[in-house]
C-alpha atoms as a PDB file:
ATOM      1  CA  MET A   1     -40.888  -2.950  72.260  1.00  0.00           C
ATOM      2  CA  ILE A   2     -41.836   0.114  70.428  1.00  0.00           C
ATOM      3  CA  LEU A   3     -41.748  -1.928  66.955  1.00  0.00           C
ATOM      4  CA  ASP A   4     -41.721  -5.730  65.819  1.00  0.00           C
ATOM      5  CA  ILE A   5     -41.549  -6.930  62.795  1.00  0.00           C
ATOM      6  CA  GLU A   6     -42.567 -10.607  62.570  1.00  0.00           C
ATOM      7  CA  ASN A   7     -42.477 -13.384  59.359  1.00  0.00           C
ATOM      8  CA  LEU A   8     -42.898 -10.325  57.484  1.00  0.00           C
ATOM      9  CA  ARG A   9     -42.803 -11.815  53.781  1.00  0.00           C
ATOM     10  CA  VAL A  10     -43.661  -8.904  50.604  1.00  0.00           C
ATOM     11  CA  SER A  11     -43.045 -10.123  46.919  1.00  0.00           C
ATOM     12  CA  ILE A  12     -43.142  -7.858  43.532  1.00  0.00           C
ATOM     13  CA  ASN A  13     -45.628  -9.080  41.149  1.00  0.00           C
ATOM     14  CA  ALA A  14     -44.662  -7.779  37.674  1.00  0.00           C
ATOM     15  CA  LYS A  15     -45.570  -8.921  34.236  1.00  0.00           C
ATOM     16  CA  GLY A  16     -47.394 -12.318  35.748  1.00  0.00           C
ATOM     17  CA  THR A  17     -43.571 -12.908  37.660  1.00  0.00           C
ATOM     18  CA  ARG A  18     -43.312 -13.210  41.074  1.00  0.00           C
ATOM     19  CA  THR A  19     -40.054 -12.167  42.982  1.00  0.00           C
ATOM     20  CA  PRO A  20     -39.597 -12.287  46.597  1.00  0.00           C
ATOM     21  CA  VAL A  21     -37.973  -9.732  48.079  1.00  0.00           C
ATOM     22  CA  LEU A  22     -38.654  -9.654  52.070  1.00  0.00           C
ATOM     23  CA  ARG A  23     -38.173 -13.137  53.100  1.00  0.00           C
ATOM     24  CA  GLY A  24     -39.686 -13.716  56.674  1.00  0.00           C
ATOM     25  CA  ALA A  25     -38.326 -10.618  57.899  1.00  0.00           C
ATOM     26  CA  HIS A  26     -38.073  -9.924  61.710  1.00  0.00           C
ATOM     27  CA  LEU A  27     -37.249  -7.072  63.230  1.00  0.00           C
ATOM     28  CA  GLN A  28     -37.291  -5.975  67.117  1.00  0.00           C
ATOM     29  CA  LEU A  29     -36.840  -2.338  68.442  1.00  0.00           C
ATOM     30  CA  GLU A  30     -36.870  -1.600  71.504  1.00  0.00           C
ATOM     31  CA  GLN A  31     -38.496   1.980  73.234  1.00  0.00           C
ATOM     32  CA  GLY A  32     -35.725   5.099  73.103  1.00  0.00           C
ATOM     33  CA  LYS A  33     -32.864   2.738  71.328  1.00  0.00           C
ATOM     34  CA  ILE A  34     -31.165   2.906  67.662  1.00  0.00           C
ATOM     35  CA  LEU A  35     -31.668  -0.350  65.862  1.00  0.00           C
ATOM     36  CA  GLY A  36     -29.687  -0.476  62.874  1.00  0.00           C
ATOM     37  CA  LEU A  37     -30.762  -2.264  60.047  1.00  0.00           C
ATOM     38  CA  VAL A  38     -27.672  -2.636  57.679  1.00  0.00           C
ATOM     39  CA  GLY A  39     -26.758  -4.939  54.149  1.00  0.00           C
ATOM     40  CA  GLU A  40     -25.768  -3.737  50.330  1.00  0.00           C
ATOM     41  CA  SER A  41     -27.394  -2.235  47.945  1.00  0.00           C
ATOM     42  CA  GLY A  42     -30.606  -4.514  46.576  1.00  0.00           C
ATOM     43  CA  GLY A  43     -30.876  -6.197  49.993  1.00  0.00           C
ATOM     44  CA  GLY A  44     -34.009  -5.516  51.257  1.00  0.00           C
ATOM     45  CA  LYS A  45     -33.534  -2.480  53.961  1.00  0.00           C
ATOM     46  CA  THR A  46     -35.631  -0.028  51.864  1.00  0.00           C
ATOM     47  CA  MET A  47     -38.670  -2.187  51.269  1.00  0.00           C
ATOM     48  CA  VAL A  48     -38.811  -3.315  55.049  1.00  0.00           C
ATOM     49  CA  CYS A  49     -39.013   1.104  55.727  1.00  0.00           C
ATOM     50  CA  LYS A  50     -41.729   1.181  52.926  1.00  0.00           C
ATOM     51  CA  ALA A  51     -43.743  -1.688  54.535  1.00  0.00           C
ATOM     52  CA  ILE A  52     -43.578   0.168  57.693  1.00  0.00           C
ATOM     53  CA  LEU A  53     -44.782   3.401  56.355  1.00  0.00           C
ATOM     54  CA  GLY A  54     -47.464   1.555  53.826  1.00  0.00           C
ATOM     55  CA  VAL A  55     -45.918   3.250  50.748  1.00  0.00           C
ATOM     56  CA  LEU A  56     -44.922  -0.078  48.696  1.00  0.00           C
ATOM     57  CA  PRO A  57     -44.901   0.215  45.204  1.00  0.00           C
ATOM     58  CA  GLU A  58     -48.391  -0.874  43.680  1.00  0.00           C
ATOM     59  CA  SER A  59     -46.476  -3.916  42.428  1.00  0.00           C
ATOM     60  CA  ALA A  60     -45.629  -5.158  45.606  1.00  0.00           C
ATOM     61  CA  ARG A  61     -47.910  -7.047  47.568  1.00  0.00           C
ATOM     62  CA  ILE A  62     -47.474  -8.517  51.800  1.00  0.00           C
ATOM     63  CA  GLU A  63     -47.574 -12.116  52.043  1.00  0.00           C
ATOM     64  CA  SER A  64     -48.095 -12.460  55.206  1.00  0.00           C
ATOM     65  CA  GLY A  65     -46.824 -11.218  58.984  1.00  0.00           C
ATOM     66  CA  ALA A  66     -47.318  -8.136  60.902  1.00  0.00           C
ATOM     67  CA  ILE A  67     -45.764  -5.193  61.772  1.00  0.00           C
ATOM     68  CA  ARG A  68     -46.677  -3.912  65.235  1.00  0.00           C
ATOM     69  CA  PHE A  69     -45.829  -0.614  66.196  1.00  0.00           C
ATOM     70  CA  GLU A  70     -46.325  -0.167  70.309  1.00  0.00           C
ATOM     71  CA  GLY A  71     -48.377  -3.300  70.491  1.00  0.00           C
ATOM     72  CA  ARG A  72     -50.478  -2.815  67.156  1.00  0.00           C
ATOM     73  CA  ASP A  73     -50.539  -4.232  63.792  1.00  0.00           C
ATOM     74  CA  LEU A  74     -49.943  -1.463  61.184  1.00  0.00           C
ATOM     75  CA  LEU A  75     -51.349  -4.241  58.495  1.00  0.00           C
ATOM     76  CA  ALA A  76     -54.510  -4.395  59.987  1.00  0.00           C
ATOM     77  CA  MET A  77     -55.503  -0.746  60.981  1.00  0.00           C
ATOM     78  CA  PRO A  78     -57.964   1.300  58.332  1.00  0.00           C
ATOM     79  CA  ALA A  79     -55.855   3.173  56.165  1.00  0.00           C
ATOM     80  CA  ARG A  80     -56.850   6.510  57.080  1.00  0.00           C
ATOM     81  CA  GLU A  81     -56.063   5.734  60.842  1.00  0.00           C
ATOM     82  CA  ARG A  82     -52.472   3.770  59.705  1.00  0.00           C
ATOM     83  CA  ARG A  83     -52.005   7.322  57.766  1.00  0.00           C
ATOM     84  CA  GLY A  84     -52.826   9.543  60.522  1.00  0.00           C
ATOM     85  CA  LEU A  85     -49.785   7.868  62.574  1.00  0.00           C
ATOM     86  CA  LEU A  86     -47.361   9.123  60.060  1.00  0.00           C
ATOM     87  CA  GLY A  87     -45.693  12.450  60.813  1.00  0.00           C
ATOM     88  CA  ARG A  88     -46.445  12.915  64.107  1.00  0.00           C
ATOM     89  CA  SER A  89     -45.744   9.404  65.667  1.00  0.00           C
ATOM     90  CA  ILE A  90     -43.399   7.861  62.786  1.00  0.00           C
ATOM     91  CA  ALA A  91     -41.424  10.535  61.186  1.00  0.00           C
ATOM     92  CA  MET A  92     -39.025   9.767  58.380  1.00  0.00           C
ATOM     93  CA  ILE A  93     -35.447  11.070  57.613  1.00  0.00           C
ATOM     94  CA  LEU A  94     -34.984  10.660  53.342  1.00  0.00           C
ATOM     95  CA  GLN A  95     -31.564   9.701  51.880  1.00  0.00           C
ATOM     96  CA  ASN A  96     -30.976  13.046  49.982  1.00  0.00           C
ATOM     97  CA  PRO A  97     -31.937  16.200  51.861  1.00  0.00           C
ATOM     98  CA  MET A  98     -31.767  18.207  48.115  1.00  0.00           C
ATOM     99  CA  THR A  99     -34.945  16.482  47.417  1.00  0.00           C
ATOM    100  CA  ALA A 100     -36.800  15.790  50.551  1.00  0.00           C
ATOM    101  CA  LEU A 101     -37.813  19.341  50.286  1.00  0.00           C
ATOM    102  CA  ASN A 102     -39.749  21.026  48.327  1.00  0.00           C
ATOM    103  CA  PRO A 103     -38.036  23.559  46.110  1.00  0.00           C
ATOM    104  CA  VAL A 104     -40.436  25.937  45.188  1.00  0.00           C
ATOM    105  CA  PHE A 105     -41.377  26.709  49.276  1.00  0.00           C
ATOM    106  CA  ARG A 106     -39.855  28.455  51.949  1.00  0.00           C
ATOM    107  CA  ILE A 107     -37.942  26.538  54.801  1.00  0.00           C
ATOM    108  CA  GLU A 108     -40.800  28.587  56.772  1.00  0.00           C
ATOM    109  CA  ASP A 109     -43.627  26.516  55.143  1.00  0.00           C
ATOM    110  CA  GLN A 110     -42.397  23.468  55.243  1.00  0.00           C
ATOM    111  CA  MET A 111     -41.918  23.533  58.985  1.00  0.00           C
ATOM    112  CA  THR A 112     -44.847  25.536  59.827  1.00  0.00           C
ATOM    113  CA  ASP A 113     -46.919  23.243  57.851  1.00  0.00           C
ATOM    114  CA  VAL A 114     -45.741  19.927  59.568  1.00  0.00           C
ATOM    115  CA  LEU A 115     -46.484  21.557  62.994  1.00  0.00           C
ATOM    116  CA  ARG A 116     -49.460  23.122  62.038  1.00  0.00           C
ATOM    117  CA  LEU A 117     -50.968  19.830  60.653  1.00  0.00           C
ATOM    118  CA  HIS A 118     -49.489  17.078  62.578  1.00  0.00           C
ATOM    119  CA  ALA A 119     -49.292  18.844  66.299  1.00  0.00           C
ATOM    120  CA  GLY A 120     -52.242  21.643  65.673  1.00  0.00           C
ATOM    121  CA  LEU A 121     -50.369  24.297  66.819  1.00  0.00           C
ATOM    122  CA  ASP A 122     -51.428  27.876  65.381  1.00  0.00           C
ATOM    123  CA  ARG A 123     -48.930  29.946  62.956  1.00  0.00           C
ATOM    124  CA  ALA A 124     -47.110  31.628  65.641  1.00  0.00           C
ATOM    125  CA  GLN A 125     -46.651  28.956  67.691  1.00  0.00           C
ATOM    126  CA  ALA A 126     -45.675  26.592  64.635  1.00  0.00           C
ATOM    127  CA  ARG A 127     -43.135  29.669  63.749  1.00  0.00           C
ATOM    128  CA  ALA A 128     -41.717  29.611  67.226  1.00  0.00           C
ATOM    129  CA  ARG A 129     -41.803  25.704  67.560  1.00  0.00           C
ATOM    130  CA  ALA A 130     -39.353  25.834  63.722  1.00  0.00           C
ATOM    131  CA  LEU A 131     -37.054  28.569  65.482  1.00  0.00           C
ATOM    132  CA  GLU A 132     -36.806  26.204  68.324  1.00  0.00           C
ATOM    133  CA  MET A 133     -36.120  23.122  66.754  1.00  0.00           C
ATOM    134  CA  LEU A 134     -33.620  24.957  63.933  1.00  0.00           C
ATOM    135  CA  THR A 135     -31.425  25.969  67.278  1.00  0.00           C
ATOM    136  CA  ALA A 136     -31.656  22.489  68.543  1.00  0.00           C
ATOM    137  CA  VAL A 137     -29.845  21.320  65.295  1.00  0.00           C
ATOM    138  CA  HIS A 138     -27.119  23.831  65.811  1.00  0.00           C
ATOM    139  CA  ILE A 139     -28.419  26.119  62.817  1.00  0.00           C
ATOM    140  CA  ARG A 140     -26.686  29.699  63.308  1.00  0.00           C
ATOM    141  CA  GLU A 141     -29.130  32.077  62.512  1.00  0.00           C
ATOM    142  CA  PRO A 142     -32.373  30.285  62.741  1.00  0.00           C
ATOM    143  CA  GLU A 143     -34.356  33.223  61.898  1.00  0.00           C
ATOM    144  CA  ARG A 144     -32.406  33.937  58.106  1.00  0.00           C
ATOM    145  CA  VAL A 145     -32.685  30.446  57.703  1.00  0.00           C
ATOM    146  CA  LEU A 146     -36.644  30.326  57.781  1.00  0.00           C
ATOM    147  CA  ARG A 147     -36.705  32.873  54.882  1.00  0.00           C
ATOM    148  CA  HIS A 148     -34.332  30.560  52.611  1.00  0.00           C
ATOM    149  CA  TYR A 149     -35.399  28.011  49.990  1.00  0.00           C
ATOM    150  CA  PRO A 150     -33.943  24.555  50.121  1.00  0.00           C
ATOM    151  CA  HIS A 151     -31.086  25.931  47.180  1.00  0.00           C
ATOM    152  CA  GLU A 152     -30.214  28.396  48.974  1.00  0.00           C
ATOM    153  CA  LEU A 153     -29.169  25.930  51.845  1.00  0.00           C
ATOM    154  CA  SER A 154     -25.984  23.588  51.581  1.00  0.00           C
ATOM    155  CA  GLY A 155     -26.671  19.685  51.738  1.00  0.00           C
ATOM    156  CA  GLY A 156     -25.579  19.684  54.647  1.00  0.00           C
ATOM    157  CA  MET A 157     -28.204  22.676  56.153  1.00  0.00           C
ATOM    158  CA  CYS A 158     -30.795  21.239  54.536  1.00  0.00           C
ATOM    159  CA  GLN A 159     -30.251  17.472  56.268  1.00  0.00           C
ATOM    160  CA  ARG A 160     -30.581  19.596  59.174  1.00  0.00           C
ATOM    161  CA  VAL A 161     -33.456  20.609  58.378  1.00  0.00           C
ATOM    162  CA  VAL A 162     -34.850  17.658  57.547  1.00  0.00           C
ATOM    163  CA  ILE A 163     -33.993  16.048  60.629  1.00  0.00           C
ATOM    164  CA  SER A 164     -35.497  19.486  62.665  1.00  0.00           C
ATOM    165  CA  ILE A 165     -38.963  18.647  60.882  1.00  0.00           C
ATOM    166  CA  ALA A 166     -38.440  14.829  61.674  1.00  0.00           C
ATOM    167  CA  PHE A 167     -38.082  15.410  65.203  1.00  0.00           C
ATOM    168  CA  SER A 168     -40.248  18.789  65.233  1.00  0.00           C
ATOM    169  CA  CYS A 169     -43.599  16.599  66.328  1.00  0.00           C
ATOM    170  CA  SER A 170     -42.122  14.358  68.946  1.00  0.00           C
ATOM    171  CA  PRO A 171     -42.295  11.346  67.181  1.00  0.00           C
ATOM    172  CA  ARG A 172     -42.516   8.297  68.835  1.00  0.00           C
ATOM    173  CA  LEU A 173     -40.390   6.326  66.183  1.00  0.00           C
ATOM    174  CA  ILE A 174     -37.931   7.898  63.401  1.00  0.00           C
ATOM    175  CA  ILE A 175     -37.038   5.843  60.487  1.00  0.00           C
ATOM    176  CA  ALA A 176     -33.890   7.349  58.724  1.00  0.00           C
ATOM    177  CA  ASP A 177     -32.910   5.635  55.379  1.00  0.00           C
ATOM    178  CA  GLU A 178     -29.725   6.150  54.919  1.00  0.00           C
ATOM    179  CA  PRO A 179     -29.536  10.009  56.435  1.00  0.00           C
ATOM    180  CA  THR A 180     -25.642  10.622  55.350  1.00  0.00           C
ATOM    181  CA  THR A 181     -25.321   9.176  51.972  1.00  0.00           C
ATOM    182  CA  ALA A 182     -25.281  12.304  49.964  1.00  0.00           C
ATOM    183  CA  LEU A 183     -22.893  14.051  52.075  1.00  0.00           C
ATOM    184  CA  ASP A 184     -19.303  14.668  52.544  1.00  0.00           C
ATOM    185  CA  VAL A 185     -17.234  12.499  55.226  1.00  0.00           C
ATOM    186  CA  THR A 186     -17.040  15.271  57.644  1.00  0.00           C
ATOM    187  CA  VAL A 187     -20.980  16.753  57.385  1.00  0.00           C
ATOM    188  CA  GLN A 188     -21.448  12.571  58.083  1.00  0.00           C
ATOM    189  CA  HIS A 189     -20.014  12.755  61.600  1.00  0.00           C
ATOM    190  CA  GLN A 190     -21.758  16.159  62.522  1.00  0.00           C
ATOM    191  CA  ILE A 191     -25.311  14.969  61.142  1.00  0.00           C
ATOM    192  CA  LEU A 192     -24.635  11.482  62.852  1.00  0.00           C
ATOM    193  CA  ARG A 193     -23.642  13.306  66.115  1.00  0.00           C
ATOM    194  CA  LEU A 194     -26.535  15.253  65.868  1.00  0.00           C
ATOM    195  CA  ILE A 195     -28.870  12.049  65.583  1.00  0.00           C
ATOM    196  CA  ARG A 196     -27.754  10.810  68.703  1.00  0.00           C
ATOM    197  CA  GLU A 197     -28.013  13.874  70.477  1.00  0.00           C
ATOM    198  CA  LEU A 198     -31.513  14.290  69.621  1.00  0.00           C
ATOM    199  CA  GLN A 199     -32.402  11.203  70.235  1.00  0.00           C
ATOM    200  CA  ARG A 200     -30.773  10.725  73.523  1.00  0.00           C
ATOM    201  CA  LYS A 201     -32.689  13.992  74.329  1.00  0.00           C
ATOM    202  CA  THR A 202     -36.170  13.536  73.593  1.00  0.00           C
ATOM    203  CA  GLY A 203     -35.823   9.363  73.865  1.00  0.00           C
ATOM    204  CA  THR A 204     -37.521   8.889  70.544  1.00  0.00           C
ATOM    205  CA  SER A 205     -36.724   5.281  68.506  1.00  0.00           C
ATOM    206  CA  VAL A 206     -34.793   5.008  65.749  1.00  0.00           C
ATOM    207  CA  LEU A 207     -34.628   2.408  62.792  1.00  0.00           C
ATOM    208  CA  PHE A 208     -31.423   3.568  60.998  1.00  0.00           C
ATOM    209  CA  ILE A 209     -31.534   1.761  57.789  1.00  0.00           C
ATOM    210  CA  THR A 210     -27.561   1.670  56.275  1.00  0.00           C
ATOM    211  CA  HIS A 211     -24.897  -0.241  54.386  1.00  0.00           C
ATOM    212  CA  ASP A 212     -21.988   1.325  56.300  1.00  0.00           C
ATOM    213  CA  LEU A 213     -20.905  -0.761  59.426  1.00  0.00           C
ATOM    214  CA  GLY A 214     -18.760   2.007  60.577  1.00  0.00           C
ATOM    215  CA  VAL A 215     -22.267   4.685  60.731  1.00  0.00           C
ATOM    216  CA  VAL A 216     -23.695   1.152  63.085  1.00  0.00           C
ATOM    217  CA  ALA A 217     -20.822   1.200  65.543  1.00  0.00           C
ATOM    218  CA  LYS A 218     -21.039   4.949  65.954  1.00  0.00           C
ATOM    219  CA  ILE A 219     -24.764   5.566  66.789  1.00  0.00           C
ATOM    220  CA  CYS A 220     -26.898   2.351  66.683  1.00  0.00           C
ATOM    221  CA  ASP A 221     -27.610   0.447  69.981  1.00  0.00           C
ATOM    222  CA  SER A 222     -28.240  -3.024  68.159  1.00  0.00           C
ATOM    223  CA  VAL A 223     -27.817  -4.312  64.940  1.00  0.00           C
ATOM    224  CA  SER A 224     -29.722  -6.559  62.202  1.00  0.00           C
ATOM    225  CA  VAL A 225     -27.921  -8.198  59.043  1.00  0.00           C
ATOM    226  CA  ILE A 226     -30.308  -8.393  55.840  1.00  0.00           C
ATOM    227  CA  TYR A 227     -29.212  -9.867  52.587  1.00  0.00           C
ATOM    228  CA  ALA A 228     -31.212 -11.214  49.640  1.00  0.00           C
ATOM    229  CA  GLY A 229     -34.157  -9.933  52.062  1.00  0.00           C
ATOM    230  CA  ARG A 230     -33.579 -12.513  54.933  1.00  0.00           C
ATOM    231  CA  ILE A 231     -33.179 -11.006  58.268  1.00  0.00           C
ATOM    232  CA  LEU A 232     -29.286 -13.284  58.867  1.00  0.00           C
ATOM    233  CA  GLU A 233     -28.271 -12.077  62.321  1.00  0.00           C
ATOM    234  CA  SER A 234     -29.129  -9.423  64.702  1.00  0.00           C
ATOM    235  CA  GLY A 235     -27.936  -8.108  68.093  1.00  0.00           C
ATOM    236  CA  PRO A 236     -26.117  -6.048  70.582  1.00  0.00           C
ATOM    237  CA  VAL A 237     -23.376  -3.917  68.825  1.00  0.00           C
ATOM    238  CA  GLU A 238     -20.428  -4.848  70.866  1.00  0.00           C
ATOM    239  CA  ARG A 239     -21.711  -9.005  70.424  1.00  0.00           C
ATOM    240  CA  ILE A 240     -22.032  -8.346  66.305  1.00  0.00           C
ATOM    241  CA  PHE A 241     -18.936  -6.224  65.829  1.00  0.00           C
ATOM    242  CA  SER A 242     -17.151  -9.250  68.441  1.00  0.00           C
ATOM    243  CA  SER A 243     -18.418 -12.032  67.714  1.00  0.00           C
ATOM    244  CA  GLN A 244     -20.353 -12.694  64.598  1.00  0.00           C
ATOM    245  CA  HIS A 245     -22.673 -15.744  64.270  1.00  0.00           C
ATOM    246  CA  HIS A 246     -23.242 -15.319  60.465  1.00  0.00           C
ATOM    247  CA  PRO A 247     -20.441 -16.183  58.081  1.00  0.00           C
ATOM    248  CA  TYR A 248     -22.067 -13.062  55.974  1.00  0.00           C
ATOM    249  CA  THR A 249     -21.913 -10.899  58.972  1.00  0.00           C
ATOM    250  CA  GLN A 250     -18.302 -11.379  59.069  1.00  0.00           C
ATOM    251  CA  ALA A 251     -17.750 -11.003  55.184  1.00  0.00           C
ATOM    252  CA  LEU A 252     -19.280  -7.451  55.452  1.00  0.00           C
ATOM    253  CA  LEU A 253     -16.757  -6.882  58.437  1.00  0.00           C
ATOM    254  CA  ASP A 254     -13.529  -7.945  56.796  1.00  0.00           C
ATOM    255  CA  ALA A 255     -14.708  -5.951  53.609  1.00  0.00           C
ATOM    256  CA  ALA A 256     -15.200  -2.703  55.605  1.00  0.00           C
ATOM    257  CA  PRO A 257     -11.968  -0.199  55.787  1.00  0.00           C
ATOM    258  CA  ARG A 258     -10.645  -0.079  59.662  1.00  0.00           C
ATOM    259  CA  TYR A 259      -9.475   3.425  60.505  1.00  0.00           C
ATOM    260  CA  ASP A 260      -7.367   1.918  63.294  1.00  0.00           C
ATOM    261  CA  ARG A 261      -6.312  -0.560  61.011  1.00  0.00           C
ATOM    262  CA  PRO A 262      -4.882   1.401  57.769  1.00  0.00           C
ATOM    263  CA  ASP A 263      -2.694  -1.600  56.674  1.00  0.00           C
ATOM    264  CA  THR A 264      -5.183  -4.257  56.666  1.00  0.00           C
ATOM    265  CA  ALA A 265      -6.664  -5.668  53.417  1.00  0.00           C
ATOM    266  CA  LEU A 266     -10.173  -5.782  52.234  1.00  0.00           C
ATOM    267  CA  HIS A 267     -11.685  -8.959  51.308  1.00  0.00           C
ATOM    268  CA  PRO A 268     -15.063  -8.762  49.140  1.00  0.00           C
ATOM    269  CA  VAL A 269     -17.967 -10.760  49.732  1.00  0.00           C
ATOM    270  CA  SER A 270     -17.145 -14.144  48.031  1.00  0.00           C
ATOM    271  CA  PRO A 271     -18.647 -15.556  44.994  1.00  0.00           C
ATOM    272  CA  GLU A 272     -19.191 -18.866  46.886  1.00  0.00           C
ATOM    273  CA  LEU A 273     -20.925 -17.318  49.904  1.00  0.00           C
ATOM    274  CA  ARG A 274     -23.357 -15.371  47.724  1.00  0.00           C
ATOM    275  CA  GLU A 275     -23.866 -18.675  46.148  1.00  0.00           C
ATOM    276  CA  GLN A 276     -24.525 -20.320  49.449  1.00  0.00           C
ATOM    277  CA  LEU A 277     -26.963 -17.874  50.219  1.00  0.00           C
ATOM    278  CA  ALA A 278     -28.715 -17.895  47.014  1.00  0.00           C
ATOM    279  CA  ARG A 279     -29.216 -21.340  47.549  1.00  0.00           C
ATOM    280  CA  GLU A 280     -30.847 -20.747  51.515  1.00  0.00           C
ATOM    281  CA  ALA A 281     -33.083 -17.958  49.839  1.00  0.00           C
ATOM    282  CA  GLU A 282     -34.738 -20.266  46.692  1.00  0.00           C
ATOM    283  CA  GLU A 283     -34.772 -23.231  49.619  1.00  0.00           C
ATOM    284  CA  PHE A 284     -36.855 -20.751  51.745  1.00  0.00           C
ATOM    285  CA  ASP A 285     -39.497 -19.683  48.623  1.00  0.00           C
ATOM    286  CA  ARG A 286     -39.740 -23.376  48.479  1.00  0.00           C
ATOM    287  CA  ARG A 287     -40.504 -24.455  51.546  1.00  0.00           C
ATOM    288  CA  VAL A 288     -42.862 -21.434  52.018  1.00  0.00           C
ATOM    289  CA  ASP A 289     -44.470 -22.393  48.399  1.00  0.00           C
ATOM    290  CA  ARG A 290     -45.250 -25.579  50.161  1.00  0.00           C
ATOM    291  CA  GLU A 291     -46.569 -24.917  52.934  1.00  0.00           C
ATOM    292  CA  VAL A 292     -48.757 -22.439  51.183  1.00  0.00           C
ATOM    293  CA  ALA A 293     -49.897 -25.143  48.885  1.00  0.00           C
ATOM    294  CA  HIS A 294     -50.810 -27.451  51.907  1.00  0.00           C
ATOM    295  CA  ALA A 295     -52.389 -24.535  53.741  1.00  0.00           C
END
């Protein structure tokens, strides 16, 4: 197991008010696999990502749990050692490629700086590796692209560059935070296929954060469903799509358009189910508070 998150509880403390945002989250990602973390906006997906990377906002507090990467708890590591993993062992693909790249530096500078810092390559080696990675993500004329600034490339091209940077140092884990959201549908398909192709070729494990169940079906091996900071259901993609155990998972599937069934009516998540989930979250918070008080 390359990533094992156990009982992770995170709260935001602002103006004297404590707001739980992750409630005992539990995730397991196997080596060489893609795990989809799916849920609607505000469910806690990105907070899981930030907790792994150690970039939670200052107002956030980790109250309990463990984040084990290759058996070592990231939360127990010295800050400097943990930062040393980022870029080299754990990489990130951000949601918006136009803001993920620095607009004042050429693509060559941004790619070679990463390789020189994390892989210890000299300038010539880093440039050769950058060209190799741009070719791997099917960019034509990589020499020309290296000379460009981000604003001179399309969104799809920029995202290919971001993906090439993420894979360039051969990390063991990549976190992809909704990497196709800012792209049109045709480019989304290309980017998903590209991530899957590179993942299979390199054996890198991927935590793929998304709100799109269609994306999960195309690219992921397993999936965890999150709502209000709670993991409601986890399992292999085939099982989740064919036999859901939690009503919220079924509600998400009913709310997603089916390209193979264009005449099927869509059903939003019902207010009754949302109220039930809110009550369960409140009961979980009360139970945890009682346990803490008696500890």
